Amino acid sequence: MKIDDQMNEKAILEELAARFKQTRIDSSITRKELADISMVSVATIARFESGGDIGLKNLIKLLGAMKMESSLDELIPDPFDRPSYHIESTVIRKRARKRKPSRDWKWGDEK
């Protein structure tokens, strides 16, 4: 199933858990072996694979043990790795602000 903006948090967590579990099984790694490699308890792994919340640090440990750290880079892409950031005149924004609409703009039939 594709994760999209129509899914609620629980459905997304369940989908991620199912994908992780299937990846672990396809890699022929038992929960006990994964627990030994990742330093995350077997109970935490079981909770995650059944759709429970395990916390971000434990997720990072599990992805690292499965050699899936690069998946995190796709989760939140690096904003500095865009072509627009390589233009020398680009100023790096420090905070978010609402943009004020231009008052000079007019419809084509307005003069």
PDB file of N, CA and C in Angstrom:
ATOM      1  N   MET A   1       0.838  -1.172   0.000  1.00  0.00           N
ATOM      2  CA  MET A   1       0.000   0.000   0.000  1.00  0.00           C
ATOM      3  C   MET A   1       0.891   1.246   0.000  1.00  0.00           C
ATOM      4  N   LYS A   2       0.501   2.209  -0.752  1.00  0.00           N
ATOM      5  CA  LYS A   2       1.263   3.456  -0.829  1.00  0.00           C
ATOM      6  C   LYS A   2       0.836   4.379   0.308  1.00  0.00           C
ATOM      7  N   ILE A   3       1.815   4.980   0.965  1.00  0.00           N
ATOM      8  CA  ILE A   3       1.536   5.931   2.031  1.00  0.00           C
ATOM      9  C   ILE A   3       1.249   7.282   1.398  1.00  0.00           C
ATOM     10  N   ASP A   4       0.106   7.874   1.761  1.00  0.00           N
ATOM     11  CA  ASP A   4      -0.253   9.173   1.205  1.00  0.00           C
ATOM     12  C   ASP A   4      -0.929  10.032   2.262  1.00  0.00           C
ATOM     13  N   ASP A   5      -1.346  11.217   1.871  1.00  0.00           N
ATOM     14  CA  ASP A   5      -1.916  12.176   2.819  1.00  0.00           C
ATOM     15  C   ASP A   5      -3.348  11.828   3.227  1.00  0.00           C
ATOM     16  N   GLN A   6      -3.926  10.788   2.659  1.00  0.00           N
ATOM     17  CA  GLN A   6      -5.273  10.362   3.029  1.00  0.00           C
ATOM     18  C   GLN A   6      -5.262   9.406   4.224  1.00  0.00           C
ATOM     19  N   MET A   7      -4.068   8.942   4.619  1.00  0.00           N
ATOM     20  CA  MET A   7      -3.942   7.984   5.709  1.00  0.00           C
ATOM     21  C   MET A   7      -3.766   8.711   7.041  1.00  0.00           C
ATOM     22  N   ASN A   8      -4.343   8.149   8.089  1.00  0.00           N
ATOM     23  CA  ASN A   8      -4.120   8.724   9.411  1.00  0.00           C
ATOM     24  C   ASN A   8      -2.821   8.163   9.999  1.00  0.00           C
ATOM     25  N   GLU A   9      -2.407   8.681  11.149  1.00  0.00           N
ATOM     26  CA  GLU A   9      -1.128   8.290  11.749  1.00  0.00           C
ATOM     27  C   GLU A   9      -1.064   6.798  12.057  1.00  0.00           C
ATOM     28  N   LYS A  10      -2.172   6.242  12.543  1.00  0.00           N
ATOM     29  CA  LYS A  10      -2.194   4.823  12.895  1.00  0.00           C
ATOM     30  C   LYS A  10      -1.993   3.950  11.653  1.00  0.00           C
ATOM     31  N   ALA A  11      -2.648   4.299  10.578  1.00  0.00           N
ATOM     32  CA  ALA A  11      -2.522   3.530   9.339  1.00  0.00           C
ATOM     33  C   ALA A  11      -1.102   3.623   8.778  1.00  0.00           C
ATOM     34  N   ILE A  12      -0.494   4.797   8.878  1.00  0.00           N
ATOM     35  CA  ILE A  12       0.883   4.969   8.400  1.00  0.00           C
ATOM     36  C   ILE A  12       1.832   4.125   9.239  1.00  0.00           C
ATOM     37  N   LEU A  13       1.664   4.166  10.568  1.00  0.00           N
ATOM     38  CA  LEU A  13       2.511   3.368  11.457  1.00  0.00           C
ATOM     39  C   LEU A  13       2.366   1.882  11.172  1.00  0.00           C
ATOM     40  N   GLU A  14       1.134   1.427  10.958  1.00  0.00           N
ATOM     41  CA  GLU A  14       0.917   0.016  10.643  1.00  0.00           C
ATOM     42  C   GLU A  14       1.554  -0.379   9.321  1.00  0.00           C
ATOM     43  N   GLU A  15       1.491   0.500   8.332  1.00  0.00           N
ATOM     44  CA  GLU A  15       2.104   0.214   7.031  1.00  0.00           C
ATOM     45  C   GLU A  15       3.627   0.158   7.149  1.00  0.00           C
ATOM     46  N   LEU A  16       4.205   1.113   7.876  1.00  0.00           N
ATOM     47  CA  LEU A  16       5.662   1.094   8.081  1.00  0.00           C
ATOM     48  C   LEU A  16       6.094  -0.161   8.833  1.00  0.00           C
ATOM     49  N   ALA A  17       5.314  -0.536   9.827  1.00  0.00           N
ATOM     50  CA  ALA A  17       5.624  -1.739  10.604  1.00  0.00           C
ATOM     51  C   ALA A  17       5.575  -2.988   9.732  1.00  0.00           C
ATOM     52  N   ALA A  18       4.558  -3.082   8.897  1.00  0.00           N
ATOM     53  CA  ALA A  18       4.433  -4.246   8.010  1.00  0.00           C
ATOM     54  C   ALA A  18       5.594  -4.307   7.015  1.00  0.00           C
ATOM     55  N   ARG A  19       5.974  -3.155   6.481  1.00  0.00           N
ATOM     56  CA  ARG A  19       7.108  -3.111   5.547  1.00  0.00           C
ATOM     57  C   ARG A  19       8.402  -3.522   6.239  1.00  0.00           C
ATOM     58  N   PHE A  20       8.613  -2.995   7.459  1.00  0.00           N
ATOM     59  CA  PHE A  20       9.837  -3.330   8.193  1.00  0.00           C
ATOM     60  C   PHE A  20       9.876  -4.824   8.502  1.00  0.00           C
ATOM     61  N   LYS A  21       8.770  -5.366   8.980  1.00  0.00           N
ATOM     62  CA  LYS A  21       8.714  -6.788   9.322  1.00  0.00           C
ATOM     63  C   LYS A  21       9.012  -7.651   8.101  1.00  0.00           C
ATOM     64  N   GLN A  22       8.405  -7.316   6.961  1.00  0.00           N
ATOM     65  CA  GLN A  22       8.640  -8.104   5.758  1.00  0.00           C
ATOM     66  C   GLN A  22      10.094  -7.998   5.301  1.00  0.00           C
ATOM     67  N   THR A  23      10.687  -6.809   5.433  1.00  0.00           N
ATOM     68  CA  THR A  23      12.103  -6.637   5.076  1.00  0.00           C
ATOM     69  C   THR A  23      12.986  -7.487   5.983  1.00  0.00           C
ATOM     70  N   ARG A  24      12.678  -7.496   7.282  1.00  0.00           N
ATOM     71  CA  ARG A  24      13.446  -8.316   8.233  1.00  0.00           C
ATOM     72  C   ARG A  24      13.326  -9.793   7.889  1.00  0.00           C
ATOM     73  N   ILE A  25      12.112 -10.255   7.616  1.00  0.00           N
ATOM     74  CA  ILE A  25      11.893 -11.661   7.280  1.00  0.00           C
ATOM     75  C   ILE A  25      12.592 -12.017   5.972  1.00  0.00           C
ATOM     76  N   ASP A  26      12.510 -11.143   4.971  1.00  0.00           N
ATOM     77  CA  ASP A  26      13.182 -11.389   3.686  1.00  0.00           C
ATOM     78  C   ASP A  26      14.691 -11.459   3.852  1.00  0.00           C
ATOM     79  N   SER A  27      15.217 -10.756   4.862  1.00  0.00           N
ATOM     80  CA  SER A  27      16.659 -10.770   5.124  1.00  0.00           C
ATOM     81  C   SER A  27      17.071 -11.947   6.007  1.00  0.00           C
ATOM     82  N   SER A  28      16.107 -12.792   6.362  1.00  0.00           N
ATOM     83  CA  SER A  28      16.347 -13.966   7.213  1.00  0.00           C
ATOM     84  C   SER A  28      16.984 -13.596   8.549  1.00  0.00           C
ATOM     85  N   ILE A  29      16.488 -12.533   9.154  1.00  0.00           N
ATOM     86  CA  ILE A  29      16.969 -12.102  10.460  1.00  0.00           C
ATOM     87  C   ILE A  29      15.825 -12.288  11.459  1.00  0.00           C
ATOM     88  N   THR A  30      16.111 -13.017  12.535  1.00  0.00           N
ATOM     89  CA  THR A  30      15.089 -13.207  13.557  1.00  0.00           C
ATOM     90  C   THR A  30      15.020 -11.958  14.440  1.00  0.00           C
ATOM     91  N   ARG A  31      13.948 -11.852  15.197  1.00  0.00           N
ATOM     92  CA  ARG A  31      13.818 -10.725  16.120  1.00  0.00           C
ATOM     93  C   ARG A  31      14.958 -10.741  17.145  1.00  0.00           C
ATOM     94  N   LYS A  32      15.322 -11.930  17.612  1.00  0.00           N
ATOM     95  CA  LYS A  32      16.406 -12.058  18.597  1.00  0.00           C
ATOM     96  C   LYS A  32      17.725 -11.582  18.000  1.00  0.00           C
ATOM     97  N   GLU A  33      18.020 -11.981  16.769  1.00  0.00           N
ATOM     98  CA  GLU A  33      19.251 -11.532  16.108  1.00  0.00           C
ATOM     99  C   GLU A  33      19.244 -10.019  15.924  1.00  0.00           C
ATOM    100  N   LEU A  34      18.108  -9.473  15.512  1.00  0.00           N
ATOM    101  CA  LEU A  34      17.997  -8.035  15.331  1.00  0.00           C
ATOM    102  C   LEU A  34      18.168  -7.308  16.662  1.00  0.00           C
ATOM    103  N   ALA A  35      17.613  -7.865  17.718  1.00  0.00           N
ATOM    104  CA  ALA A  35      17.751  -7.267  19.047  1.00  0.00           C
ATOM    105  C   ALA A  35      19.216  -7.235  19.474  1.00  0.00           C
ATOM    106  N   ASP A  36      19.953  -8.306  19.201  1.00  0.00           N
ATOM    107  CA  ASP A  36      21.371  -8.358  19.562  1.00  0.00           C
ATOM    108  C   ASP A  36      22.188  -7.332  18.778  1.00  0.00           C
ATOM    109  N   ILE A  37      21.884  -7.169  17.510  1.00  0.00           N
ATOM    110  CA  ILE A  37      22.626  -6.230  16.656  1.00  0.00           C
ATOM    111  C   ILE A  37      22.274  -4.790  16.990  1.00  0.00           C
ATOM    112  N   SER A  38      20.991  -4.511  17.196  1.00  0.00           N
ATOM    113  CA  SER A  38      20.526  -3.129  17.341  1.00  0.00           C
ATOM    114  C   SER A  38      20.524  -2.617  18.777  1.00  0.00           C
ATOM    115  N   MET A  39      20.624  -3.524  19.747  1.00  0.00           N
ATOM    116  CA  MET A  39      20.537  -3.156  21.166  1.00  0.00           C
ATOM    117  C   MET A  39      19.140  -2.632  21.509  1.00  0.00           C
ATOM    118  N   VAL A  40      18.145  -3.135  20.800  1.00  0.00           N
ATOM    119  CA  VAL A  40      16.740  -2.847  21.069  1.00  0.00           C
ATOM    120  C   VAL A  40      16.115  -4.166  21.508  1.00  0.00           C
ATOM    121  N   SER A  41      15.283  -4.142  22.524  1.00  0.00           N
ATOM    122  CA  SER A  41      14.732  -5.384  23.060  1.00  0.00           C
ATOM    123  C   SER A  41      13.822  -6.087  22.054  1.00  0.00           C
ATOM    124  N   VAL A  42      13.709  -7.402  22.231  1.00  0.00           N
ATOM    125  CA  VAL A  42      12.829  -8.200  21.381  1.00  0.00           C
ATOM    126  C   VAL A  42      11.385  -7.722  21.535  1.00  0.00           C
ATOM    127  N   ALA A  43      11.002  -7.360  22.758  1.00  0.00           N
ATOM    128  CA  ALA A  43       9.637  -6.877  22.999  1.00  0.00           C
ATOM    129  C   ALA A  43       9.365  -5.580  22.239  1.00  0.00           C
ATOM    130  N   THR A  44      10.358  -4.687  22.177  1.00  0.00           N
ATOM    131  CA  THR A  44      10.197  -3.428  21.444  1.00  0.00           C
ATOM    132  C   THR A  44      10.063  -3.698  19.948  1.00  0.00           C
ATOM    133  N   ILE A  45      10.853  -4.630  19.448  1.00  0.00           N
ATOM    134  CA  ILE A  45      10.768  -4.995  18.026  1.00  0.00           C
ATOM    135  C   ILE A  45       9.391  -5.586  17.727  1.00  0.00           C
ATOM    136  N   ALA A  46       8.922  -6.467  18.605  1.00  0.00           N
ATOM    137  CA  ALA A  46       7.598  -7.069  18.417  1.00  0.00           C
ATOM    138  C   ALA A  46       6.506  -6.004  18.461  1.00  0.00           C
ATOM    139  N   ARG A  47       6.636  -5.052  19.381  1.00  0.00           N
ATOM    140  CA  ARG A  47       5.643  -3.972  19.479  1.00  0.00           C
ATOM    141  C   ARG A  47       5.628  -3.147  18.202  1.00  0.00           C
ATOM    142  N   PHE A  48       6.826  -2.824  17.678  1.00  0.00           N
ATOM    143  CA  PHE A  48       6.903  -2.040  16.437  1.00  0.00           C
ATOM    144  C   PHE A  48       6.291  -2.803  15.273  1.00  0.00           C
ATOM    145  N   GLU A  49       6.631  -4.078  15.145  1.00  0.00           N
ATOM    146  CA  GLU A  49       6.139  -4.870  14.020  1.00  0.00           C
ATOM    147  C   GLU A  49       4.638  -5.132  14.086  1.00  0.00           C
ATOM    148  N   SER A  50       4.046  -4.898  15.245  1.00  0.00           N
ATOM    149  CA  SER A  50       2.591  -5.044  15.354  1.00  0.00           C
ATOM    150  C   SER A  50       1.885  -3.696  15.287  1.00  0.00           C
ATOM    151  N   GLY A  51       2.640  -2.633  14.968  1.00  0.00           N
ATOM    152  CA  GLY A  51       2.039  -1.320  14.763  1.00  0.00           C
ATOM    153  C   GLY A  51       2.093  -0.407  15.966  1.00  0.00           C
ATOM    154  N   GLY A  52       2.891  -0.760  16.970  1.00  0.00           N
ATOM    155  CA  GLY A  52       3.010   0.071  18.161  1.00  0.00           C
ATOM    156  C   GLY A  52       4.090   1.129  18.015  1.00  0.00           C
ATOM    157  N   ASP A  53       4.040   2.103  18.895  1.00  0.00           N
ATOM    158  CA  ASP A  53       5.004   3.204  18.888  1.00  0.00           C
ATOM    159  C   ASP A  53       6.268   2.791  19.650  1.00  0.00           C
ATOM    160  N   ILE A  54       7.439   3.057  19.090  1.00  0.00           N
ATOM    161  CA  ILE A  54       8.686   2.660  19.748  1.00  0.00           C
ATOM    162  C   ILE A  54       9.647   3.823  19.958  1.00  0.00           C
ATOM    163  N   GLY A  55       9.350   4.980  19.473  1.00  0.00           N
ATOM    164  CA  GLY A  55      10.245   6.119  19.626  1.00  0.00           C
ATOM    165  C   GLY A  55      11.246   6.211  18.480  1.00  0.00           C
ATOM    166  N   LEU A  56      11.671   7.438  18.229  1.00  0.00           N
ATOM    167  CA  LEU A  56      12.549   7.701  17.087  1.00  0.00           C
ATOM    168  C   LEU A  56      13.934   7.080  17.257  1.00  0.00           C
ATOM    169  N   LYS A  57      14.512   7.136  18.465  1.00  0.00           N
ATOM    170  CA  LYS A  57      15.849   6.565  18.675  1.00  0.00           C
ATOM    171  C   LYS A  57      15.864   5.068  18.394  1.00  0.00           C
ATOM    172  N   ASN A  58      14.837   4.358  18.865  1.00  0.00           N
ATOM    173  CA  ASN A  58      14.782   2.923  18.608  1.00  0.00           C
ATOM    174  C   ASN A  58      14.585   2.626  17.127  1.00  0.00           C
ATOM    175  N   LEU A  59      13.799   3.449  16.445  1.00  0.00           N
ATOM    176  CA  LEU A  59      13.626   3.267  15.002  1.00  0.00           C
ATOM    177  C   LEU A  59      14.959   3.454  14.280  1.00  0.00           C
ATOM    178  N   ILE A  60      15.710   4.465  14.671  1.00  0.00           N
ATOM    179  CA  ILE A  60      17.025   4.705  14.058  1.00  0.00           C
ATOM    180  C   ILE A  60      17.955   3.524  14.313  1.00  0.00           C
ATOM    181  N   LYS A  61      17.936   2.985  15.519  1.00  0.00           N
ATOM    182  CA  LYS A  61      18.771   1.819  15.838  1.00  0.00           C
ATOM    183  C   LYS A  61      18.387   0.620  14.977  1.00  0.00           C
ATOM    184  N   LEU A  62      17.084   0.394  14.825  1.00  0.00           N
ATOM    185  CA  LEU A  62      16.629  -0.739  14.019  1.00  0.00           C
ATOM    186  C   LEU A  62      16.995  -0.574  12.553  1.00  0.00           C
ATOM    187  N   LEU A  63      16.797   0.623  12.022  1.00  0.00           N
ATOM    188  CA  LEU A  63      17.169   0.867  10.622  1.00  0.00           C
ATOM    189  C   LEU A  63      18.671   0.715  10.428  1.00  0.00           C
ATOM    190  N   GLY A  64      19.459   1.155  11.403  1.00  0.00           N
ATOM    191  CA  GLY A  64      20.910   0.995  11.314  1.00  0.00           C
ATOM    192  C   GLY A  64      21.312  -0.471  11.316  1.00  0.00           C
ATOM    193  N   ALA A  65      20.686  -1.260  12.154  1.00  0.00           N
ATOM    194  CA  ALA A  65      20.998  -2.689  12.225  1.00  0.00           C
ATOM    195  C   ALA A  65      20.625  -3.412  10.937  1.00  0.00           C
ATOM    196  N   MET A  66      19.600  -2.910  10.255  1.00  0.00           N
ATOM    197  CA  MET A  66      19.166  -3.518   8.995  1.00  0.00           C
ATOM    198  C   MET A  66      19.874  -2.897   7.783  1.00  0.00           C
ATOM    199  N   LYS A  67      20.816  -1.990   8.033  1.00  0.00           N
ATOM    200  CA  LYS A  67      21.550  -1.294   6.958  1.00  0.00           C
ATOM    201  C   LYS A  67      20.589  -0.494   6.075  1.00  0.00           C
ATOM    202  N   MET A  68      19.639   0.183   6.729  1.00  0.00           N
ATOM    203  CA  MET A  68      18.630   0.956   6.013  1.00  0.00           C
ATOM    204  C   MET A  68      18.683   2.435   6.393  1.00  0.00           C
ATOM    205  N   GLU A  69      19.841   2.912   6.864  1.00  0.00           N
ATOM    206  CA  GLU A  69      19.949   4.303   7.282  1.00  0.00           C
ATOM    207  C   GLU A  69      19.631   5.279   6.163  1.00  0.00           C
ATOM    208  N   SER A  70      19.938   4.903   4.934  1.00  0.00           N
ATOM    209  CA  SER A  70      19.685   5.804   3.806  1.00  0.00           C
ATOM    210  C   SER A  70      18.193   6.088   3.634  1.00  0.00           C
ATOM    211  N   SER A  71      17.343   5.223   4.174  1.00  0.00           N
ATOM    212  CA  SER A  71      15.904   5.468   4.111  1.00  0.00           C
ATOM    213  C   SER A  71      15.525   6.731   4.875  1.00  0.00           C
ATOM    214  N   LEU A  72      16.302   7.062   5.899  1.00  0.00           N
ATOM    215  CA  LEU A  72      16.028   8.268   6.680  1.00  0.00           C
ATOM    216  C   LEU A  72      16.274   9.524   5.861  1.00  0.00           C
ATOM    217  N   ASP A  73      17.212   9.453   4.938  1.00  0.00           N
ATOM    218  CA  ASP A  73      17.510  10.605   4.086  1.00  0.00           C
ATOM    219  C   ASP A  73      16.328  10.918   3.174  1.00  0.00           C
ATOM    220  N   GLU A  74      15.567   9.908   2.817  1.00  0.00           N
ATOM    221  CA  GLU A  74      14.384  10.119   1.981  1.00  0.00           C
ATOM    222  C   GLU A  74      13.196  10.625   2.805  1.00  0.00           C
ATOM    223  N   LEU A  75      13.222  10.359   4.104  1.00  0.00           N
ATOM    224  CA  LEU A  75      12.134  10.779   4.971  1.00  0.00           C
ATOM    225  C   LEU A  75      12.025  12.296   5.035  1.00  0.00           C
ATOM    226  N   ILE A  76      13.143  12.955   5.299  1.00  0.00           N
ATOM    227  CA  ILE A  76      13.201  14.413   5.302  1.00  0.00           C
ATOM    228  C   ILE A  76      14.420  14.789   4.467  1.00  0.00           C
ATOM    229  N   PRO A  77      14.230  15.117   3.198  1.00  0.00           N
ATOM    230  CA  PRO A  77      15.359  15.421   2.316  1.00  0.00           C
ATOM    231  C   PRO A  77      16.167  16.630   2.813  1.00  0.00           C
ATOM    232  N   ASP A  78      17.450  16.613   2.516  1.00  0.00           N
ATOM    233  CA  ASP A  78      18.346  17.703   2.882  1.00  0.00           C
ATOM    234  C   ASP A  78      17.980  18.946   2.080  1.00  0.00           C
ATOM    235  N   PRO A  79      17.574  20.035   2.744  1.00  0.00           N
ATOM    236  CA  PRO A  79      17.172  21.235   2.002  1.00  0.00           C
ATOM    237  C   PRO A  79      18.341  21.914   1.292  1.00  0.00           C
ATOM    238  N   PHE A  80      19.567  21.610   1.722  1.00  0.00           N
ATOM    239  CA  PHE A  80      20.736  22.218   1.098  1.00  0.00           C
ATOM    240  C   PHE A  80      21.202  21.441  -0.120  1.00  0.00           C
ATOM    241  N   ASP A  81      20.538  20.334  -0.412  1.00  0.00           N
ATOM    242  CA  ASP A  81      20.916  19.515  -1.556  1.00  0.00           C
ATOM    243  C   ASP A  81      19.943  19.719  -2.713  1.00  0.00           C
ATOM    244  N   ARG A  82      19.510  20.957  -2.886  1.00  0.00           N
ATOM    245  CA  ARG A  82      18.632  21.319  -3.999  1.00  0.00           C
ATOM    246  C   ARG A  82      19.415  22.214  -4.948  1.00  0.00           C
ATOM    247  N   PRO A  83      19.111  22.175  -6.213  1.00  0.00           N
ATOM    248  CA  PRO A  83      19.819  23.040  -7.155  1.00  0.00           C
ATOM    249  C   PRO A  83      19.721  24.520  -6.790  1.00  0.00           C
ATOM    250  N   SER A  84      18.594  24.942  -6.235  1.00  0.00           N
ATOM    251  CA  SER A  84      18.421  26.357  -5.912  1.00  0.00           C
ATOM    252  C   SER A  84      19.375  26.827  -4.821  1.00  0.00           C
ATOM    253  N   TYR A  85      19.865  25.928  -3.985  1.00  0.00           N
ATOM    254  CA  TYR A  85      20.800  26.321  -2.928  1.00  0.00           C
ATOM    255  C   TYR A  85      22.228  26.474  -3.446  1.00  0.00           C
ATOM    256  N   HIS A  86      22.474  26.067  -4.668  1.00  0.00           N
ATOM    257  CA  HIS A  86      23.812  26.183  -5.236  1.00  0.00           C
ATOM    258  C   HIS A  86      24.003  27.496  -6.004  1.00  0.00           C
ATOM    259  N   ILE A  87      22.960  28.297  -6.089  1.00  0.00           N
ATOM    260  CA  ILE A  87      23.066  29.606  -6.712  1.00  0.00           C
ATOM    261  C   ILE A  87      23.707  30.539  -5.689  1.00  0.00           C
ATOM    262  N   GLU A  88      24.727  31.251  -6.080  1.00  0.00           N
ATOM    263  CA  GLU A  88      25.488  32.065  -5.134  1.00  0.00           C
ATOM    264  C   GLU A  88      24.671  33.166  -4.470  1.00  0.00           C
ATOM    265  N   SER A  89      23.663  33.691  -5.132  1.00  0.00           N
ATOM    266  CA  SER A  89      22.908  34.801  -4.577  1.00  0.00           C
ATOM    267  C   SER A  89      21.827  34.358  -3.586  1.00  0.00           C
ATOM    268  N   THR A  90      21.663  33.064  -3.397  1.00  0.00           N
ATOM    269  CA  THR A  90      20.626  32.574  -2.497  1.00  0.00           C
ATOM    270  C   THR A  90      21.011  32.849  -1.049  1.00  0.00           C
ATOM    271  N   VAL A  91      20.085  33.443  -0.321  1.00  0.00           N
ATOM    272  CA  VAL A  91      20.273  33.704   1.107  1.00  0.00           C
ATOM    273  C   VAL A  91      19.588  32.576   1.865  1.00  0.00           C
ATOM    274  N   ILE A  92      20.292  31.973   2.810  1.00  0.00           N
ATOM    275  CA  ILE A  92      19.718  30.893   3.594  1.00  0.00           C
ATOM    276  C   ILE A  92      18.767  31.488   4.626  1.00  0.00           C
ATOM    277  N   ARG A  93      17.520  31.054   4.588  1.00  0.00           N
ATOM    278  CA  ARG A  93      16.510  31.574   5.501  1.00  0.00           C
ATOM    279  C   ARG A  93      16.746  31.023   6.900  1.00  0.00           C
ATOM    280  N   LYS A  94      16.556  31.867   7.907  1.00  0.00           N
ATOM    281  CA  LYS A  94      16.759  31.476   9.295  1.00  0.00           C
ATOM    282  C   LYS A  94      15.449  31.167  10.010  1.00  0.00           C
ATOM    283  N   ARG A  95      14.326  31.687   9.500  1.00  0.00           N
ATOM    284  CA  ARG A  95      13.030  31.442  10.114  1.00  0.00           C
ATOM    285  C   ARG A  95      11.942  31.538   9.063  1.00  0.00           C
ATOM    286  N   ALA A  96      10.800  30.975   9.395  1.00  0.00           N
ATOM    287  CA  ALA A  96       9.664  31.010   8.474  1.00  0.00           C
ATOM    288  C   ALA A  96       8.834  32.260   8.736  1.00  0.00           C
ATOM    289  N   ARG A  97       8.401  32.890   7.678  1.00  0.00           N
ATOM    290  CA  ARG A  97       7.540  34.072   7.759  1.00  0.00           C
ATOM    291  C   ARG A  97       6.465  33.963   6.696  1.00  0.00           C
ATOM    292  N   LYS A  98       5.332  34.523   7.003  1.00  0.00           N
ATOM    293  CA  LYS A  98       4.278  34.621   5.994  1.00  0.00           C
ATOM    294  C   LYS A  98       4.689  35.682   5.001  1.00  0.00           C
ATOM    295  N   ARG A  99       4.521  35.403   3.752  1.00  0.00           N
ATOM    296  CA  ARG A  99       4.857  36.377   2.723  1.00  0.00           C
ATOM    297  C   ARG A  99       3.703  37.356   2.556  1.00  0.00           C
ATOM    298  N   LYS A 100       4.035  38.640   2.510  1.00  0.00           N
ATOM    299  CA  LYS A 100       3.020  39.667   2.318  1.00  0.00           C
ATOM    300  C   LYS A 100       2.694  39.754   0.834  1.00  0.00           C
ATOM    301  N   PRO A 101       1.407  39.778   0.502  1.00  0.00           N
ATOM    302  CA  PRO A 101       1.049  39.877  -0.918  1.00  0.00           C
ATOM    303  C   PRO A 101       1.465  41.243  -1.474  1.00  0.00           C
ATOM    304  N   SER A 102       1.882  41.225  -2.710  1.00  0.00           N
ATOM    305  CA  SER A 102       2.277  42.467  -3.366  1.00  0.00           C
ATOM    306  C   SER A 102       1.035  43.316  -3.625  1.00  0.00           C
ATOM    307  N   ARG A 103       1.108  44.586  -3.276  1.00  0.00           N
ATOM    308  CA  ARG A 103      -0.028  45.479  -3.488  1.00  0.00           C
ATOM    309  C   ARG A 103       0.023  46.103  -4.889  1.00  0.00           C
ATOM    310  N   ASP A 104       1.122  45.897  -5.596  1.00  0.00           N
ATOM    311  CA  ASP A 104       1.266  46.457  -6.938  1.00  0.00           C
ATOM    312  C   ASP A 104       0.594  45.600  -8.008  1.00  0.00           C
ATOM    313  N   TRP A 105       0.240  44.384  -7.671  1.00  0.00           N
ATOM    314  CA  TRP A 105      -0.307  43.460  -8.642  1.00  0.00           C
ATOM    315  C   TRP A 105      -1.757  43.822  -8.959  1.00  0.00           C
ATOM    316  N   LYS A 106      -2.115  43.774 -10.239  1.00  0.00           N
ATOM    317  CA  LYS A 106      -3.476  44.070 -10.682  1.00  0.00           C
ATOM    318  C   LYS A 106      -3.875  43.100 -11.768  1.00  0.00           C
ATOM    319  N   TRP A 107      -5.169  42.889 -11.891  1.00  0.00           N
ATOM    320  CA  TRP A 107      -5.674  42.097 -12.979  1.00  0.00           C
ATOM    321  C   TRP A 107      -5.380  42.785 -14.296  1.00  0.00           C
ATOM    322  N   GLY A 108      -5.366  42.049 -15.374  1.00  0.00           N
ATOM    323  CA  GLY A 108      -5.063  42.604 -16.684  1.00  0.00           C
ATOM    324  C   GLY A 108      -6.007  43.701 -17.137  1.00  0.00           C
ATOM    325  N   ASP A 109      -7.279  43.650 -16.716  1.00  0.00           N
ATOM    326  CA  ASP A 109      -8.253  44.650 -17.145  1.00  0.00           C
ATOM    327  C   ASP A 109      -8.288  45.862 -16.203  1.00  0.00           C
ATOM    328  N   GLU A 110      -7.510  45.824 -15.115  1.00  0.00           N
ATOM    329  CA  GLU A 110      -7.447  46.961 -14.199  1.00  0.00           C
ATOM    330  C   GLU A 110      -6.312  47.889 -14.592  1.00  0.00           C
ATOM    331  N   LYS A 111      -6.524  49.176 -14.485  1.00  0.00           N
ATOM    332  CA  LYS A 111      -5.475  50.148 -14.832  1.00  0.00           C
ATOM    333  C   LYS A 111      -5.299  51.117 -13.715  1.00  0.00           C
TER     334      LYS A 111
END
